[in-house]
């Protein structure tokens, strides 16, 4: 059964609008620099110089670099997670209390990221920021990233447990963790594919076609209980 999944557009970071507020100009400049050079390597002075504002403006609107980083992540994560939760709520309502199948759950979670990742400069910024949160960001970013995703991950964990009741709660958590890692690798580091393939970097739809069956197979593989019964 085909489902259409919700996406939530956000303002493109390539926007060059002189009517932008000082706050928005700082925010867009910071996210571009964070995505290009990394969070730790980007100083507030670099941001203010590129945005054409002074340091006092950053302090006035955000208070600190940590708060600015959180604002940048929140701008992308909030619409992403709203779309994921909206997908799940609609699907559960349509299912009328019955468990959803695993592929439907995976698509409901993955497709909003694919849609946002394909929205020009804003999508490229999103994927780079997600990569930073996993590989380079400071501990406070990791904590914020976990906090922003907590509600949506809990909802999908519960739905996945109903879909695969033969797995223990611990197994569900492990497999969701592996799903997230695979998802980030698939969309955020296409360079690894070039090491083993002569193909150019795949587009989102190609990636999705390869990714969904891989994730479903991993999520539905026999667990410890099934292995012990053999």
N, C-alpha and C. Protein backbone atom coordinates (compact mmCIF):
# COMPACT_ATOMS: atom_id res chain seq x y z
N UNK A 1 0.85 -1.20 0.00
CA UNK A 1 0.00 0.00 0.00
C UNK A 1 0.88 1.24 0.00
N UNK A 2 0.61 2.14 -0.92
CA UNK A 2 1.42 3.35 -1.04
C UNK A 2 0.88 4.42 -0.10
N UNK A 3 1.78 5.11 0.54
CA UNK A 3 1.41 6.19 1.42
C UNK A 3 2.12 7.45 0.97
N UNK A 4 1.45 8.59 1.13
CA UNK A 4 2.12 9.86 0.90
C UNK A 4 2.50 10.42 2.25
N UNK A 5 3.73 10.90 2.36
CA UNK A 5 4.23 11.33 3.64
C UNK A 5 4.44 12.83 3.67
N UNK A 6 4.25 13.39 4.84
CA UNK A 6 4.29 14.84 5.01
C UNK A 6 5.71 15.37 5.08
N UNK A 7 5.90 16.54 4.50
CA UNK A 7 7.15 17.27 4.65
C UNK A 7 6.83 18.69 5.07
N UNK A 8 7.79 19.34 5.71
CA UNK A 8 7.59 20.72 6.16
C UNK A 8 8.72 21.56 5.60
N UNK A 9 8.44 22.48 4.66
CA UNK A 9 9.51 23.29 4.08
C UNK A 9 10.07 24.28 5.07
N UNK A 10 11.35 24.60 4.92
CA UNK A 10 11.97 25.65 5.70
C UNK A 10 12.65 26.62 4.75
N UNK A 11 12.97 27.80 5.26
CA UNK A 11 13.59 28.83 4.41
C UNK A 11 14.95 28.37 3.93
N UNK A 12 15.21 28.54 2.65
CA UNK A 12 16.47 28.13 2.05
C UNK A 12 17.60 29.00 2.56
N UNK A 13 18.71 28.38 2.97
CA UNK A 13 19.84 29.12 3.51
C UNK A 13 20.57 29.94 2.46
N UNK A 14 20.21 29.75 1.17
CA UNK A 14 20.85 30.55 0.13
C UNK A 14 20.16 31.90 -0.08
N UNK A 15 19.07 32.12 0.67
CA UNK A 15 18.31 33.36 0.51
C UNK A 15 19.20 34.57 0.75
N UNK A 16 19.10 35.53 -0.16
CA UNK A 16 19.86 36.78 -0.01
C UNK A 16 18.85 37.91 -0.02
N UNK A 17 18.22 38.13 1.09
CA UNK A 17 17.15 39.11 1.18
C UNK A 17 17.59 40.19 2.13
N UNK A 18 17.70 41.41 1.61
CA UNK A 18 18.19 42.51 2.44
C UNK A 18 17.20 42.83 3.55
N UNK A 19 15.96 42.31 3.44
CA UNK A 19 14.96 42.57 4.46
C UNK A 19 15.08 41.59 5.62
N UNK A 20 16.00 40.64 5.55
CA UNK A 20 16.20 39.70 6.64
C UNK A 20 16.52 40.46 7.92
N UNK A 21 15.96 39.98 9.01
CA UNK A 21 16.29 40.57 10.29
C UNK A 21 17.74 40.25 10.66
N UNK A 22 18.28 40.99 11.59
CA UNK A 22 19.65 40.72 12.04
C UNK A 22 19.75 39.30 12.59
N UNK A 23 18.75 38.89 13.34
CA UNK A 23 18.76 37.54 13.92
C UNK A 23 18.81 36.48 12.83
N UNK A 24 17.96 36.63 11.81
CA UNK A 24 17.94 35.65 10.73
C UNK A 24 19.24 35.66 9.94
N UNK A 25 19.82 36.82 9.76
CA UNK A 25 21.08 36.90 9.02
C UNK A 25 22.19 36.17 9.78
N UNK A 26 22.23 36.34 11.08
CA UNK A 26 23.21 35.62 11.90
C UNK A 26 22.95 34.12 11.81
N UNK A 27 21.69 33.73 11.92
CA UNK A 27 21.33 32.31 11.92
C UNK A 27 21.71 31.63 10.61
N UNK A 28 21.36 32.25 9.49
CA UNK A 28 21.66 31.67 8.18
C UNK A 28 23.16 31.61 7.92
N UNK A 29 23.87 32.65 8.34
CA UNK A 29 25.32 32.65 8.16
C UNK A 29 25.97 31.58 9.01
N UNK A 30 25.53 31.46 10.25
CA UNK A 30 26.10 30.46 11.15
C UNK A 30 25.88 29.04 10.63
N UNK A 31 24.67 28.75 10.15
CA UNK A 31 24.42 27.38 9.70
C UNK A 31 25.25 27.06 8.45
N UNK A 32 25.43 28.04 7.57
CA UNK A 32 26.26 27.80 6.38
C UNK A 32 27.70 27.52 6.78
N UNK A 33 28.24 28.31 7.71
CA UNK A 33 29.62 28.12 8.13
C UNK A 33 29.79 26.84 8.93
N UNK A 34 28.84 26.53 9.80
CA UNK A 34 28.91 25.27 10.54
C UNK A 34 28.94 24.08 9.58
N UNK A 35 28.10 24.15 8.53
CA UNK A 35 28.04 23.06 7.57
C UNK A 35 29.32 22.95 6.75
N UNK A 36 29.93 24.11 6.42
CA UNK A 36 31.11 24.12 5.56
C UNK A 36 32.39 23.75 6.31
N UNK A 37 32.57 24.29 7.51
CA UNK A 37 33.86 24.14 8.19
C UNK A 37 33.78 23.44 9.53
N UNK A 38 32.57 23.15 10.00
CA UNK A 38 32.43 22.49 11.28
C UNK A 38 32.10 23.47 12.39
N UNK A 39 31.50 22.97 13.43
CA UNK A 39 31.05 23.82 14.53
C UNK A 39 32.24 24.29 15.36
N UNK A 40 33.10 23.36 15.75
CA UNK A 40 34.22 23.73 16.61
C UNK A 40 35.16 24.70 15.92
N UNK A 41 35.31 24.56 14.59
CA UNK A 41 36.26 25.40 13.86
C UNK A 41 35.69 26.77 13.49
N UNK A 42 34.42 26.99 13.74
CA UNK A 42 33.79 28.26 13.37
C UNK A 42 33.64 29.14 14.61
N UNK A 43 34.35 30.23 14.64
CA UNK A 43 34.28 31.14 15.78
C UNK A 43 33.15 32.14 15.60
N UNK A 44 32.75 32.75 16.70
CA UNK A 44 31.75 33.80 16.62
C UNK A 44 32.24 34.98 15.79
N UNK A 45 33.52 35.28 15.86
CA UNK A 45 34.07 36.39 15.08
C UNK A 45 33.96 36.10 13.58
N UNK A 46 34.18 34.84 13.21
CA UNK A 46 34.02 34.47 11.80
C UNK A 46 32.58 34.66 11.36
N UNK A 47 31.65 34.27 12.22
CA UNK A 47 30.23 34.39 11.90
C UNK A 47 29.83 35.86 11.77
N UNK A 48 30.26 36.67 12.73
CA UNK A 48 29.86 38.09 12.70
C UNK A 48 30.45 38.81 11.49
N UNK A 49 31.68 38.46 11.13
CA UNK A 49 32.30 39.09 9.97
C UNK A 49 31.54 38.73 8.69
N UNK A 50 31.17 37.46 8.56
CA UNK A 50 30.46 37.03 7.36
C UNK A 50 29.04 37.58 7.31
N UNK A 51 28.43 37.75 8.48
CA UNK A 51 27.05 38.24 8.53
C UNK A 51 26.97 39.75 8.50
N UNK A 52 28.12 40.42 8.68
CA UNK A 52 28.12 41.87 8.69
C UNK A 52 27.49 42.47 9.93
N UNK A 53 27.67 41.80 11.08
CA UNK A 53 27.15 42.31 12.34
C UNK A 53 28.28 42.31 13.36
N UNK A 54 28.04 42.88 14.53
CA UNK A 54 29.06 42.85 15.57
C UNK A 54 28.74 41.76 16.59
N UNK A 55 29.70 41.50 17.47
CA UNK A 55 29.56 40.44 18.45
C UNK A 55 28.40 40.70 19.41
N UNK A 56 28.15 41.98 19.69
CA UNK A 56 27.06 42.32 20.59
C UNK A 56 25.72 41.85 20.04
N UNK A 57 25.57 41.85 18.72
CA UNK A 57 24.32 41.41 18.10
C UNK A 57 24.08 39.93 18.36
N UNK A 58 25.15 39.12 18.29
CA UNK A 58 25.02 37.69 18.58
C UNK A 58 24.62 37.49 20.03
N UNK A 59 25.29 38.21 20.92
CA UNK A 59 24.98 38.09 22.34
C UNK A 59 23.56 38.53 22.64
N UNK A 60 23.10 39.57 21.95
CA UNK A 60 21.75 40.08 22.18
C UNK A 60 20.69 39.08 21.73
N UNK A 61 20.88 38.50 20.55
CA UNK A 61 19.85 37.62 19.98
C UNK A 61 19.94 36.18 20.46
N UNK A 62 21.15 35.73 20.82
CA UNK A 62 21.32 34.32 21.17
C UNK A 62 21.96 34.10 22.54
N UNK A 63 22.77 35.02 22.99
CA UNK A 63 23.37 34.91 24.31
C UNK A 63 24.72 34.23 24.35
N UNK A 64 24.94 33.25 23.47
CA UNK A 64 26.21 32.52 23.46
C UNK A 64 26.31 31.71 22.18
N UNK A 65 27.50 31.18 21.91
CA UNK A 65 27.66 30.32 20.75
C UNK A 65 26.85 29.04 20.91
N UNK A 66 26.83 28.49 22.14
CA UNK A 66 26.06 27.27 22.37
C UNK A 66 24.59 27.47 21.99
N UNK A 67 24.02 28.60 22.40
CA UNK A 67 22.62 28.88 22.10
C UNK A 67 22.41 29.10 20.60
N UNK A 68 23.39 29.69 19.94
CA UNK A 68 23.30 29.87 18.49
C UNK A 68 23.32 28.53 17.78
N UNK A 69 24.19 27.64 18.22
CA UNK A 69 24.25 26.30 17.63
C UNK A 69 22.90 25.59 17.80
N UNK A 70 22.33 25.68 18.99
CA UNK A 70 21.03 25.05 19.23
C UNK A 70 19.96 25.63 18.32
N UNK A 71 19.98 26.94 18.12
CA UNK A 71 18.99 27.58 17.25
C UNK A 71 19.13 27.09 15.81
N UNK A 72 20.36 26.91 15.37
CA UNK A 72 20.60 26.40 14.01
C UNK A 72 20.04 25.00 13.87
N UNK A 73 20.34 24.12 14.82
CA UNK A 73 19.84 22.75 14.75
C UNK A 73 18.32 22.71 14.86
N UNK A 74 17.79 23.51 15.77
CA UNK A 74 16.34 23.49 15.97
C UNK A 74 15.60 23.90 14.70
N UNK A 75 16.15 24.83 13.94
CA UNK A 75 15.51 25.30 12.72
C UNK A 75 15.30 24.17 11.72
N UNK A 76 16.18 23.19 11.74
CA UNK A 76 16.07 22.06 10.82
C UNK A 76 15.39 20.86 11.46
N UNK A 77 15.69 20.59 12.72
CA UNK A 77 15.16 19.39 13.36
C UNK A 77 13.67 19.49 13.66
N UNK A 78 13.20 20.66 14.04
CA UNK A 78 11.79 20.79 14.39
C UNK A 78 10.87 20.45 13.21
N UNK A 79 11.07 21.02 12.02
CA UNK A 79 10.18 20.62 10.91
C UNK A 79 10.36 19.16 10.50
N UNK A 80 11.58 18.65 10.60
CA UNK A 80 11.83 17.25 10.27
C UNK A 80 11.05 16.34 11.20
N UNK A 81 11.13 16.60 12.49
CA UNK A 81 10.45 15.75 13.46
C UNK A 81 8.94 15.95 13.46
N UNK A 82 8.48 17.16 13.16
CA UNK A 82 7.03 17.36 13.01
C UNK A 82 6.48 16.49 11.89
N UNK A 83 7.22 16.45 10.78
CA UNK A 83 6.77 15.64 9.65
C UNK A 83 6.77 14.16 10.00
N UNK A 84 7.80 13.71 10.71
CA UNK A 84 7.87 12.30 11.10
C UNK A 84 6.72 11.93 12.04
N UNK A 85 6.44 12.77 13.01
CA UNK A 85 5.36 12.49 13.94
C UNK A 85 4.00 12.58 13.25
N UNK A 86 3.83 13.54 12.35
CA UNK A 86 2.56 13.67 11.63
C UNK A 86 2.31 12.42 10.78
N UNK A 87 3.36 11.91 10.15
CA UNK A 87 3.23 10.67 9.37
C UNK A 87 2.76 9.53 10.24
N UNK A 88 3.42 9.37 11.40
CA UNK A 88 3.10 8.25 12.28
C UNK A 88 1.68 8.37 12.84
N UNK A 89 1.31 9.56 13.26
CA UNK A 89 -0.04 9.76 13.83
C UNK A 89 -1.11 9.47 12.79
N UNK A 90 -0.90 9.92 11.55
CA UNK A 90 -1.89 9.67 10.51
C UNK A 90 -1.99 8.18 10.19
N UNK A 91 -0.84 7.51 10.10
CA UNK A 91 -0.83 6.09 9.77
C UNK A 91 -1.48 5.26 10.88
N UNK A 92 -1.21 5.61 12.12
CA UNK A 92 -1.81 4.87 13.24
C UNK A 92 -3.32 5.09 13.28
N UNK A 93 -3.76 6.29 12.95
CA UNK A 93 -5.20 6.55 12.91
C UNK A 93 -5.86 5.73 11.80
N UNK A 94 -5.20 5.65 10.65
CA UNK A 94 -5.74 4.86 9.53
C UNK A 94 -5.76 3.37 9.86
N UNK A 95 -4.77 2.92 10.66
CA UNK A 95 -4.68 1.50 11.01
C UNK A 95 -5.71 1.10 12.05
N UNK A 96 -6.33 2.08 12.71
CA UNK A 96 -7.41 1.82 13.67
C UNK A 96 -7.01 0.81 14.74
N UNK A 97 -5.83 1.02 15.32
CA UNK A 97 -5.39 0.18 16.42
C UNK A 97 -4.55 -1.02 16.03
N UNK A 98 -4.50 -1.34 14.76
CA UNK A 98 -3.70 -2.48 14.32
C UNK A 98 -2.23 -2.06 14.18
N UNK A 99 -1.29 -2.98 14.42
CA UNK A 99 0.12 -2.64 14.24
C UNK A 99 0.42 -2.28 12.79
N UNK A 100 1.30 -1.33 12.59
CA UNK A 100 1.75 -0.97 11.25
C UNK A 100 2.84 -1.94 10.82
N UNK A 101 2.96 -2.16 9.52
CA UNK A 101 4.04 -3.01 9.05
C UNK A 101 5.36 -2.24 9.08
N UNK A 102 6.45 -2.98 9.14
CA UNK A 102 7.76 -2.38 9.36
C UNK A 102 8.15 -1.45 8.21
N UNK A 103 7.89 -1.85 6.98
CA UNK A 103 8.28 -0.99 5.85
C UNK A 103 7.55 0.35 5.90
N UNK A 104 6.28 0.33 6.25
CA UNK A 104 5.53 1.58 6.37
C UNK A 104 6.15 2.49 7.42
N UNK A 105 6.54 1.92 8.55
CA UNK A 105 7.18 2.71 9.61
C UNK A 105 8.50 3.29 9.15
N UNK A 106 9.29 2.48 8.47
CA UNK A 106 10.59 2.95 8.00
C UNK A 106 10.42 4.09 7.01
N UNK A 107 9.50 3.94 6.08
CA UNK A 107 9.27 5.00 5.10
C UNK A 107 8.76 6.28 5.77
N UNK A 108 7.89 6.13 6.76
CA UNK A 108 7.36 7.31 7.45
C UNK A 108 8.46 8.07 8.16
N UNK A 109 9.47 7.37 8.62
CA UNK A 109 10.59 7.99 9.33
C UNK A 109 11.63 8.56 8.36
N UNK A 110 11.90 7.83 7.29
CA UNK A 110 13.01 8.18 6.40
C UNK A 110 12.62 9.24 5.36
N UNK A 111 11.43 9.16 4.81
CA UNK A 111 11.10 10.01 3.67
C UNK A 111 11.11 11.51 3.97
N UNK A 112 10.72 11.97 5.16
CA UNK A 112 10.87 13.41 5.42
C UNK A 112 12.30 13.91 5.31
N UNK A 113 13.26 13.08 5.74
CA UNK A 113 14.67 13.47 5.62
C UNK A 113 15.07 13.52 4.15
N UNK A 114 14.62 12.57 3.36
CA UNK A 114 14.94 12.56 1.93
C UNK A 114 14.38 13.80 1.26
N UNK A 115 13.15 14.14 1.59
CA UNK A 115 12.53 15.32 1.00
C UNK A 115 13.29 16.59 1.36
N UNK A 116 13.64 16.74 2.64
CA UNK A 116 14.36 17.94 3.05
C UNK A 116 15.79 17.95 2.52
N UNK A 117 16.40 16.78 2.43
CA UNK A 117 17.76 16.71 1.91
C UNK A 117 17.84 17.11 0.45
N UNK A 118 16.71 17.04 -0.25
CA UNK A 118 16.69 17.38 -1.67
C UNK A 118 16.27 18.80 -1.97
N UNK A 119 16.16 19.65 -0.93
CA UNK A 119 15.67 21.01 -1.14
C UNK A 119 16.82 22.01 -1.27
N UNK A 120 17.66 21.83 -2.27
CA UNK A 120 18.70 22.81 -2.59
C UNK A 120 19.70 23.01 -1.46
N UNK A 121 20.12 24.26 -1.28
CA UNK A 121 21.12 24.58 -0.28
C UNK A 121 20.67 24.20 1.12
N UNK A 122 19.41 24.40 1.41
CA UNK A 122 18.89 24.07 2.74
C UNK A 122 19.05 22.59 3.04
N UNK A 123 18.80 21.74 2.03
CA UNK A 123 18.95 20.31 2.22
C UNK A 123 20.40 19.92 2.44
N UNK A 124 21.31 20.55 1.70
CA UNK A 124 22.73 20.25 1.90
C UNK A 124 23.20 20.68 3.28
N UNK A 125 22.69 21.82 3.73
CA UNK A 125 23.02 22.26 5.08
C UNK A 125 22.52 21.27 6.12
N UNK A 126 21.30 20.81 5.95
CA UNK A 126 20.72 19.85 6.89
C UNK A 126 21.58 18.59 6.99
N UNK A 127 21.96 18.01 5.85
CA UNK A 127 22.73 16.78 5.91
C UNK A 127 24.10 16.99 6.54
N UNK A 128 24.73 18.12 6.26
CA UNK A 128 26.03 18.39 6.87
C UNK A 128 25.90 18.63 8.37
N UNK A 129 24.84 19.30 8.79
CA UNK A 129 24.64 19.53 10.21
C UNK A 129 24.40 18.22 10.96
N UNK A 130 23.64 17.33 10.35
CA UNK A 130 23.43 16.03 10.98
C UNK A 130 24.73 15.26 11.10
N UNK A 131 25.57 15.37 10.07
CA UNK A 131 26.88 14.72 10.13
C UNK A 131 27.71 15.31 11.26
N UNK A 132 27.66 16.63 11.42
CA UNK A 132 28.43 17.27 12.48
C UNK A 132 27.96 16.78 13.85
N UNK A 133 26.66 16.57 13.99
CA UNK A 133 26.13 16.16 15.29
C UNK A 133 26.64 14.79 15.69
N UNK A 134 26.99 13.96 14.70
CA UNK A 134 27.45 12.61 15.00
C UNK A 134 28.97 12.51 15.10
N UNK A 135 29.68 13.31 14.35
CA UNK A 135 31.11 13.09 14.21
C UNK A 135 32.00 14.16 14.82
N UNK A 136 31.53 15.41 14.87
CA UNK A 136 32.46 16.47 15.22
C UNK A 136 31.97 17.38 16.34
N UNK A 137 30.66 17.37 16.56
CA UNK A 137 30.08 18.36 17.47
C UNK A 137 30.45 18.09 18.92
N UNK A 138 30.43 19.15 19.68
CA UNK A 138 30.73 19.06 21.10
C UNK A 138 29.60 18.33 21.83
N UNK A 139 29.89 17.96 23.08
CA UNK A 139 28.94 17.20 23.87
C UNK A 139 27.60 17.87 24.02
N UNK A 140 27.60 19.20 24.15
CA UNK A 140 26.33 19.89 24.35
C UNK A 140 25.45 19.79 23.11
N UNK A 141 26.07 19.71 21.92
CA UNK A 141 25.28 19.54 20.70
C UNK A 141 24.69 18.14 20.66
N UNK A 142 25.46 17.15 21.05
CA UNK A 142 24.97 15.78 21.09
C UNK A 142 23.79 15.67 22.05
N UNK A 143 23.90 16.33 23.21
CA UNK A 143 22.81 16.28 24.19
C UNK A 143 21.57 16.98 23.64
N UNK A 144 21.77 18.11 22.99
CA UNK A 144 20.64 18.83 22.41
C UNK A 144 20.01 18.00 21.29
N UNK A 145 20.85 17.41 20.44
CA UNK A 145 20.36 16.58 19.34
C UNK A 145 19.52 15.42 19.88
N UNK A 146 20.01 14.78 20.95
CA UNK A 146 19.25 13.68 21.56
C UNK A 146 17.94 14.18 22.14
N UNK A 147 17.96 15.33 22.78
CA UNK A 147 16.75 15.87 23.39
C UNK A 147 15.71 16.22 22.33
N UNK A 148 16.14 16.81 21.23
CA UNK A 148 15.22 17.20 20.17
C UNK A 148 14.58 15.98 19.50
N UNK A 149 15.30 14.86 19.47
CA UNK A 149 14.80 13.66 18.79
C UNK A 149 14.12 12.68 19.73
N UNK A 150 14.14 12.94 21.02
CA UNK A 150 13.68 11.96 22.00
C UNK A 150 12.22 11.57 21.78
N UNK A 151 11.35 12.56 21.62
CA UNK A 151 9.92 12.25 21.51
C UNK A 151 9.61 11.42 20.27
N UNK A 152 10.19 11.81 19.13
CA UNK A 152 9.90 11.09 17.90
C UNK A 152 10.49 9.68 17.94
N UNK A 153 11.66 9.52 18.51
CA UNK A 153 12.27 8.19 18.59
C UNK A 153 11.48 7.28 19.53
N UNK A 154 10.97 7.81 20.61
CA UNK A 154 10.16 6.99 21.51
C UNK A 154 8.88 6.53 20.83
N UNK A 155 8.25 7.43 20.08
CA UNK A 155 7.02 7.04 19.39
C UNK A 155 7.28 5.95 18.35
N UNK A 156 8.36 6.10 17.60
CA UNK A 156 8.68 5.08 16.59
C UNK A 156 9.15 3.78 17.25
N UNK A 157 9.83 3.90 18.37
CA UNK A 157 10.24 2.68 19.09
C UNK A 157 9.00 1.89 19.52
N UNK A 158 8.01 2.58 20.08
CA UNK A 158 6.80 1.89 20.52
C UNK A 158 6.05 1.27 19.34
N UNK A 159 5.97 2.01 18.23
CA UNK A 159 5.30 1.48 17.04
C UNK A 159 6.05 0.28 16.47
N UNK A 160 7.37 0.34 16.51
CA UNK A 160 8.17 -0.77 16.01
C UNK A 160 8.02 -1.99 16.91
N UNK A 161 7.90 -1.78 18.20
CA UNK A 161 7.70 -2.90 19.13
C UNK A 161 6.38 -3.61 18.84
N UNK A 162 5.34 -2.84 18.51
CA UNK A 162 4.06 -3.46 18.16
C UNK A 162 4.16 -4.19 16.82
N UNK A 163 4.97 -3.66 15.92
CA UNK A 163 5.12 -4.28 14.61
C UNK A 163 5.93 -5.57 14.67
N UNK A 164 6.89 -5.64 15.61
CA UNK A 164 7.77 -6.82 15.73
C UNK A 164 7.75 -7.28 17.19
N UNK A 165 6.65 -7.81 17.67
CA UNK A 165 6.53 -8.15 19.09
C UNK A 165 7.46 -9.27 19.55
N UNK A 166 7.96 -10.04 18.58
CA UNK A 166 8.86 -11.14 18.96
C UNK A 166 10.24 -10.65 19.40
N UNK A 167 10.57 -9.39 19.13
CA UNK A 167 11.83 -8.83 19.58
C UNK A 167 11.66 -8.23 20.97
N UNK A 168 12.71 -8.30 21.78
CA UNK A 168 12.68 -7.69 23.10
C UNK A 168 12.81 -6.18 22.97
N UNK A 169 12.42 -5.42 24.00
CA UNK A 169 12.61 -3.97 23.94
C UNK A 169 14.07 -3.57 23.70
N UNK A 170 15.00 -4.29 24.30
CA UNK A 170 16.41 -3.98 24.07
C UNK A 170 16.79 -4.19 22.61
N UNK A 171 16.29 -5.26 22.01
CA UNK A 171 16.60 -5.52 20.60
C UNK A 171 16.02 -4.43 19.70
N UNK A 172 14.82 -3.98 20.02
CA UNK A 172 14.22 -2.88 19.24
C UNK A 172 15.10 -1.64 19.32
N UNK A 173 15.57 -1.32 20.52
CA UNK A 173 16.43 -0.13 20.68
C UNK A 173 17.73 -0.27 19.91
N UNK A 174 18.35 -1.45 19.97
CA UNK A 174 19.58 -1.67 19.23
C UNK A 174 19.36 -1.51 17.73
N UNK A 175 18.28 -2.06 17.26
CA UNK A 175 18.04 -2.02 15.81
C UNK A 175 17.67 -0.62 15.33
N UNK A 176 16.97 0.13 16.14
CA UNK A 176 16.72 1.52 15.78
C UNK A 176 18.01 2.31 15.77
N UNK A 177 18.90 2.01 16.70
CA UNK A 177 20.20 2.66 16.72
C UNK A 177 20.98 2.35 15.44
N UNK A 178 20.96 1.10 15.02
CA UNK A 178 21.64 0.72 13.78
C UNK A 178 20.96 1.36 12.57
N UNK A 179 19.63 1.49 12.61
CA UNK A 179 18.91 2.13 11.52
C UNK A 179 19.34 3.59 11.38
N UNK A 180 19.45 4.28 12.50
CA UNK A 180 19.86 5.69 12.46
C UNK A 180 21.28 5.82 11.91
N UNK A 181 22.17 4.94 12.35
CA UNK A 181 23.54 4.98 11.85
C UNK A 181 23.60 4.74 10.36
N UNK A 182 22.84 3.76 9.88
CA UNK A 182 22.80 3.46 8.45
C UNK A 182 22.22 4.62 7.66
N UNK A 183 21.16 5.20 8.21
CA UNK A 183 20.51 6.33 7.54
C UNK A 183 21.45 7.51 7.40
N UNK A 184 22.15 7.84 8.46
CA UNK A 184 23.10 8.94 8.39
C UNK A 184 24.22 8.66 7.40
N UNK A 185 24.74 7.44 7.42
CA UNK A 185 25.81 7.10 6.49
C UNK A 185 25.33 7.17 5.05
N UNK A 186 24.13 6.68 4.81
CA UNK A 186 23.61 6.63 3.43
C UNK A 186 23.42 8.02 2.84
N UNK A 187 22.98 8.96 3.65
CA UNK A 187 22.66 10.28 3.11
C UNK A 187 23.73 11.32 3.37
N UNK A 188 24.62 11.05 4.31
CA UNK A 188 25.55 12.09 4.71
C UNK A 188 26.98 11.83 4.26
N UNK A 189 27.27 10.64 3.79
CA UNK A 189 28.65 10.37 3.41
C UNK A 189 28.70 9.50 2.17
N UNK A 190 28.25 10.07 1.05
CA UNK A 190 28.25 9.33 -0.22
C UNK A 190 29.66 9.04 -0.70
N UNK A 191 30.66 9.72 -0.12
CA UNK A 191 32.03 9.50 -0.54
C UNK A 191 32.49 8.07 -0.34
N UNK A 192 31.98 7.39 0.68
CA UNK A 192 32.37 6.01 0.92
C UNK A 192 31.93 5.10 -0.22
N UNK A 193 30.78 5.41 -0.83
CA UNK A 193 30.29 4.58 -1.93
C UNK A 193 31.25 4.60 -3.10
N UNK A 194 31.92 5.73 -3.31
CA UNK A 194 32.84 5.85 -4.43
C UNK A 194 34.04 4.90 -4.30
N UNK A 195 34.33 4.49 -3.08
CA UNK A 195 35.45 3.58 -2.86
C UNK A 195 35.18 2.18 -3.40
N UNK A 196 33.88 1.81 -3.48
CA UNK A 196 33.54 0.45 -3.90
C UNK A 196 32.66 0.42 -5.14
N UNK A 197 32.35 1.57 -5.70
CA UNK A 197 31.47 1.63 -6.87
C UNK A 197 31.97 2.68 -7.84
N UNK A 198 31.75 2.43 -9.13
CA UNK A 198 32.14 3.39 -10.15
C UNK A 198 31.01 4.38 -10.44
N UNK A 199 29.88 4.21 -9.78
CA UNK A 199 28.75 5.10 -10.02
C UNK A 199 29.00 6.46 -9.39
N UNK A 200 28.37 7.47 -9.97
CA UNK A 200 28.39 8.80 -9.36
C UNK A 200 27.53 8.78 -8.10
N UNK A 201 27.63 9.82 -7.31
CA UNK A 201 26.84 9.91 -6.09
C UNK A 201 25.36 9.74 -6.43
N UNK A 202 24.66 8.82 -5.78
CA UNK A 202 23.26 8.57 -6.11
C UNK A 202 22.34 9.69 -5.65
N UNK A 203 21.23 9.84 -6.36
CA UNK A 203 20.22 10.80 -5.93
C UNK A 203 19.39 10.22 -4.80
N UNK A 204 18.55 11.04 -4.17
CA UNK A 204 17.75 10.58 -3.04
C UNK A 204 16.86 9.39 -3.36
N UNK A 205 16.24 9.37 -4.54
CA UNK A 205 15.33 8.27 -4.86
C UNK A 205 16.08 6.95 -5.03
N UNK A 206 17.27 7.02 -5.64
CA UNK A 206 18.08 5.81 -5.77
C UNK A 206 18.51 5.30 -4.41
N UNK A 207 18.93 6.23 -3.56
CA UNK A 207 19.33 5.85 -2.21
C UNK A 207 18.17 5.22 -1.47
N UNK A 208 16.99 5.80 -1.59
CA UNK A 208 15.82 5.28 -0.91
C UNK A 208 15.50 3.86 -1.36
N UNK A 209 15.57 3.63 -2.66
CA UNK A 209 15.25 2.31 -3.20
C UNK A 209 16.18 1.23 -2.66
N UNK A 210 17.45 1.58 -2.43
CA UNK A 210 18.41 0.63 -1.87
C UNK A 210 18.29 0.52 -0.35
N UNK A 211 17.97 1.64 0.27
CA UNK A 211 18.00 1.72 1.72
C UNK A 211 16.83 1.02 2.39
N UNK A 212 15.61 1.21 1.87
CA UNK A 212 14.42 0.70 2.54
C UNK A 212 14.47 -0.82 2.74
N UNK A 213 14.71 -1.63 1.70
CA UNK A 213 14.73 -3.08 1.93
C UNK A 213 15.86 -3.51 2.86
N UNK A 214 16.99 -2.78 2.83
CA UNK A 214 18.10 -3.10 3.73
C UNK A 214 17.69 -2.88 5.19
N UNK A 215 17.05 -1.74 5.45
CA UNK A 215 16.62 -1.44 6.81
C UNK A 215 15.54 -2.40 7.28
N UNK A 216 14.59 -2.70 6.42
CA UNK A 216 13.51 -3.61 6.80
C UNK A 216 14.06 -5.00 7.12
N UNK A 217 15.00 -5.46 6.31
CA UNK A 217 15.60 -6.78 6.56
C UNK A 217 16.33 -6.81 7.90
N UNK A 218 17.06 -5.74 8.19
CA UNK A 218 17.78 -5.70 9.46
C UNK A 218 16.86 -5.63 10.65
N UNK A 219 15.82 -4.83 10.54
CA UNK A 219 14.87 -4.68 11.65
C UNK A 219 14.09 -5.95 11.93
N UNK A 220 13.80 -6.72 10.90
CA UNK A 220 12.94 -7.90 11.05
C UNK A 220 13.71 -9.21 11.15
N UNK A 221 15.03 -9.16 11.18
CA UNK A 221 15.84 -10.38 11.32
C UNK A 221 15.50 -11.07 12.64
N UNK A 222 15.63 -12.40 12.69
CA UNK A 222 15.31 -13.11 13.94
C UNK A 222 16.11 -12.59 15.12
N UNK A 223 15.47 -12.49 16.26
CA UNK A 223 16.13 -12.02 17.46
C UNK A 223 16.67 -13.16 18.31
N UNK A 224 17.09 -12.83 19.51
CA UNK A 224 17.70 -13.84 20.39
C UNK A 224 16.73 -14.95 20.75
N UNK A 225 15.46 -14.60 20.93
CA UNK A 225 14.50 -15.62 21.30
C UNK A 225 14.35 -16.66 20.21
N UNK A 226 14.27 -16.19 18.96
CA UNK A 226 14.14 -17.12 17.83
C UNK A 226 15.40 -17.96 17.69
N UNK A 227 16.56 -17.34 17.87
CA UNK A 227 17.82 -18.08 17.76
C UNK A 227 17.94 -19.15 18.83
N UNK A 228 17.46 -18.83 20.04
CA UNK A 228 17.53 -19.81 21.14
C UNK A 228 16.62 -20.99 20.92
N UNK A 229 15.55 -20.78 20.15
CA UNK A 229 14.58 -21.85 19.92
C UNK A 229 15.04 -22.82 18.84
N UNK A 230 16.08 -22.47 18.10
CA UNK A 230 16.56 -23.35 17.02
C UNK A 230 17.28 -24.58 17.59
